[in-house]
Amino acid sequence: MKKLFVIPAVALALSLAACGGSENKTTTTTSTEETASSEGTTTETVPGIENVELSNTIVVESNDQMKFDKELLRVKAGEAVTLTLKNVGTLPKESMGHNLIVLKPGVDVATFAGEATSAADADYIPKTSLSSIAAHTKLLGPGEEDKITFTLEKGVYTFICSFPGHYGVMQGKIVAE
């Protein structure tokens, strides 16, 4: 009878020991991230940004495959950015319209996109979330383009297409440095 009690006790002890090891790893990772933040370095690193040309004049194309031709942009902070969105697709605006919305840092993309789905009358730009937007184009149909000018402070900004169902694959980052 004692053997039946000892086996589960040993198994429990081993389980607890295994859990304790991963807890230490998590603590180490967290403290490293906090150190990086306290030193004033950017908390979000954008892989590949060093390979992107710095330019405040940008042309982005959208297409019928729900893709932007650029997913990573690099601009100079504090200076005017001129961005042109071109819809090079052929499907109708009602089924495959595209816009480009630059969201402010920290905005939850899924929440914003959810609110956008109910704003069809406003090109899927929800009036309730205007404070979350740094800049946006109008909704474009096939062959249309829109040019906007805006200025960004230093930081990392997500851009999306807010047409229903598009934001999951149609998004990218703008790094303003």
Protein backbone atom coordinates (compact mmCIF):
# COMPACT_ATOMS: atom_id res chain seq x y z
CA MET A 1 0.00 0.00 0.00
CA LYS A 2 2.88 2.36 0.76
CA LYS A 3 4.21 1.76 -2.79
CA LEU A 4 0.94 2.99 -4.28
CA PHE A 5 1.29 6.23 -2.32
CA VAL A 6 5.00 6.76 -3.10
CA ILE A 7 4.67 6.57 -6.91
CA PRO A 8 2.12 9.44 -7.23
CA ALA A 9 4.11 11.49 -4.71
CA VAL A 10 7.31 11.11 -6.78
CA ALA A 11 5.41 11.98 -9.98
CA LEU A 12 3.98 15.10 -8.32
CA ALA A 13 7.42 16.17 -7.09
CA LEU A 14 8.90 15.78 -10.58
CA SER A 15 6.03 17.77 -12.12
CA LEU A 16 6.52 20.61 -9.69
CA ALA A 17 10.27 20.65 -10.31
CA ALA A 18 9.72 20.84 -14.06
CA CYS A 19 7.28 23.74 -13.70
CA GLY A 20 9.66 25.65 -11.49
CA GLY A 21 12.38 25.62 -14.15
CA SER A 22 10.26 27.36 -16.79
CA GLU A 23 9.09 29.95 -14.26
CA ASN A 24 12.70 31.09 -13.80
CA LYS A 25 13.11 31.45 -17.58
CA THR A 26 10.01 33.64 -17.80
CA THR A 27 11.26 35.84 -14.97
CA THR A 28 14.62 36.27 -16.68
CA THR A 29 13.00 37.23 -19.99
CA THR A 30 10.70 39.75 -18.31
CA SER A 31 13.50 41.43 -16.42
CA THR A 32 15.56 41.68 -19.63
CA GLU A 33 12.66 43.41 -21.41
CA GLU A 34 12.20 45.81 -18.51
CA THR A 35 15.91 46.65 -18.59
CA ALA A 36 15.74 47.42 -22.31
CA SER A 37 12.76 49.72 -21.71
CA SER A 38 14.39 51.55 -18.83
CA GLU A 39 17.49 52.26 -20.92
CA GLY A 40 15.35 54.20 -23.43
CA THR A 41 15.70 51.78 -26.33
CA THR A 42 12.73 51.00 -28.54
CA THR A 43 10.62 48.25 -27.01
CA GLU A 44 9.43 47.08 -30.43
CA THR A 45 12.10 45.98 -32.85
CA VAL A 46 11.15 45.69 -36.50
CA PRO A 47 13.13 42.98 -38.27
CA GLY A 48 14.43 44.02 -41.68
CA ILE A 49 14.01 47.78 -41.18
CA GLU A 50 17.72 48.29 -41.84
CA ASN A 51 17.09 47.05 -45.41
CA VAL A 52 14.29 49.56 -46.13
CA GLU A 53 15.11 52.86 -47.81
CA LEU A 54 14.31 55.97 -45.77
CA SER A 55 11.80 58.03 -47.79
CA ASN A 56 8.98 60.41 -46.96
CA THR A 57 7.46 60.00 -50.45
CA ILE A 58 5.81 56.58 -50.64
CA VAL A 59 3.63 54.72 -53.14
CA VAL A 60 1.79 51.62 -51.91
CA GLU A 61 -0.26 49.38 -54.20
CA SER A 62 -3.19 47.20 -53.14
CA ASN A 63 -4.61 44.37 -55.23
CA ASP A 64 -7.36 41.75 -55.61
CA GLN A 65 -5.30 39.21 -53.65
CA MET A 66 -5.75 41.38 -50.53
CA LYS A 67 -2.10 42.41 -50.40
CA PHE A 68 -0.15 45.63 -50.06
CA ASP A 69 2.99 45.56 -52.20
CA LYS A 70 4.95 46.99 -49.25
CA GLU A 71 4.63 45.86 -45.65
CA LEU A 72 7.51 47.82 -44.14
CA LEU A 73 8.05 51.56 -44.58
CA ARG A 74 10.71 53.84 -43.10
CA VAL A 75 10.21 57.61 -42.78
CA LYS A 76 11.88 60.55 -41.12
CA ALA A 77 9.96 61.57 -37.99
CA GLY A 78 8.71 65.13 -37.68
CA GLU A 79 8.69 65.75 -41.45
CA ALA A 80 5.79 65.61 -43.91
CA VAL A 81 5.13 62.17 -45.39
CA THR A 82 3.37 61.96 -48.76
CA LEU A 83 1.76 58.57 -49.26
CA THR A 84 -0.11 57.50 -52.39
CA LEU A 85 -2.31 54.40 -52.29
CA LYS A 86 -3.12 52.82 -55.66
CA ASN A 87 -5.71 50.06 -56.05
CA VAL A 88 -4.31 48.06 -58.99
CA GLY A 89 -7.04 45.41 -58.73
CA THR A 90 -10.01 44.95 -61.07
CA LEU A 91 -12.75 43.69 -58.72
CA PRO A 92 -15.52 46.15 -57.76
CA LYS A 93 -15.15 48.47 -54.78
CA GLU A 94 -18.17 46.87 -53.06
CA SER A 95 -16.41 43.50 -52.87
CA MET A 96 -12.69 44.38 -52.93
CA GLY A 97 -12.28 48.03 -51.92
CA HIS A 98 -9.07 49.07 -50.19
CA ASN A 99 -7.95 51.89 -47.94
CA LEU A 100 -4.82 52.47 -45.89
CA ILE A 101 -5.17 53.54 -42.28
CA VAL A 102 -2.14 54.45 -40.17
CA LEU A 103 -2.94 53.63 -36.56
CA LYS A 104 -1.31 55.36 -33.62
CA PRO A 105 1.09 53.25 -31.53
CA GLY A 106 -0.62 51.01 -28.99
CA VAL A 107 -3.96 50.71 -30.81
CA ASP A 108 -5.39 47.19 -30.73
CA VAL A 109 -5.72 46.32 -34.43
CA ALA A 110 -8.40 43.64 -34.01
CA THR A 111 -10.62 45.91 -31.90
CA PHE A 112 -10.23 48.77 -34.36
CA ALA A 113 -10.99 46.51 -37.34
CA GLY A 114 -14.06 45.17 -35.55
CA GLU A 115 -15.40 48.69 -35.10
CA ALA A 116 -14.56 49.51 -38.73
CA THR A 117 -16.83 46.76 -40.08
CA SER A 118 -19.88 48.71 -38.93
CA ALA A 119 -18.74 51.93 -40.62
CA ALA A 120 -19.51 51.11 -44.26
CA ASP A 121 -21.07 54.55 -44.77
CA ALA A 122 -17.76 56.19 -43.76
CA ASP A 123 -15.36 54.10 -45.92
CA TYR A 124 -14.87 51.70 -42.97
CA ILE A 125 -13.31 54.44 -40.85
CA PRO A 126 -15.21 54.36 -37.55
CA LYS A 127 -16.05 57.81 -36.19
CA THR A 128 -15.86 56.36 -32.67
CA SER A 129 -12.14 55.58 -33.19
CA LEU A 130 -10.85 58.72 -34.92
CA SER A 131 -8.49 59.34 -31.99
CA SER A 132 -6.75 56.04 -32.86
CA ILE A 133 -5.89 57.14 -36.41
CA ALA A 134 -2.74 59.03 -37.41
CA ALA A 135 -3.73 59.25 -41.11
CA HIS A 136 -5.95 57.49 -43.66
CA THR A 137 -6.85 57.36 -47.33
CA LYS A 138 -10.34 57.06 -48.71
CA LEU A 139 -11.74 53.69 -49.79
CA LEU A 140 -10.62 52.95 -53.35
CA GLY A 141 -12.15 50.93 -56.15
CA PRO A 142 -10.25 49.41 -59.09
CA GLY A 143 -7.82 51.76 -60.81
CA GLU A 144 -8.31 54.53 -58.21
CA GLU A 145 -5.65 56.23 -56.12
CA ASP A 146 -5.54 58.64 -53.20
CA LYS A 147 -2.67 60.82 -52.00
CA ILE A 148 -2.39 61.95 -48.38
CA THR A 149 0.16 64.03 -46.47
CA PHE A 150 0.81 63.62 -42.75
CA THR A 151 3.56 63.87 -40.13
CA LEU A 152 4.55 61.18 -37.64
CA GLU A 153 6.42 61.46 -34.37
CA LYS A 154 9.21 58.97 -33.69
CA GLY A 155 7.79 55.48 -33.24
CA VAL A 156 6.40 52.36 -34.87
CA TYR A 157 2.95 52.60 -36.49
CA THR A 158 0.78 49.79 -37.85
CA PHE A 159 -1.07 50.40 -41.11
CA ILE A 160 -4.04 48.32 -42.26
CA CYS A 161 -6.85 48.08 -44.80
CA SER A 162 -10.05 48.29 -42.77
CA PHE A 163 -12.38 46.82 -45.43
CA PRO A 164 -14.15 43.90 -43.68
CA GLY A 165 -11.93 40.82 -43.51
CA HIS A 166 -8.84 42.50 -45.00
CA TYR A 167 -6.89 43.66 -41.95
CA GLY A 168 -5.70 40.14 -41.10
CA VAL A 169 -3.48 40.00 -44.20
CA MET A 170 -3.37 43.63 -45.32
CA GLN A 171 -1.19 45.28 -42.74
CA GLY A 172 2.33 46.52 -42.25
CA LYS A 173 4.54 48.81 -40.20
CA ILE A 174 5.82 52.34 -40.62
CA VAL A 175 8.95 53.13 -38.64
CA ALA A 176 9.39 56.86 -38.04
CA GLU A 177 12.94 57.60 -36.92
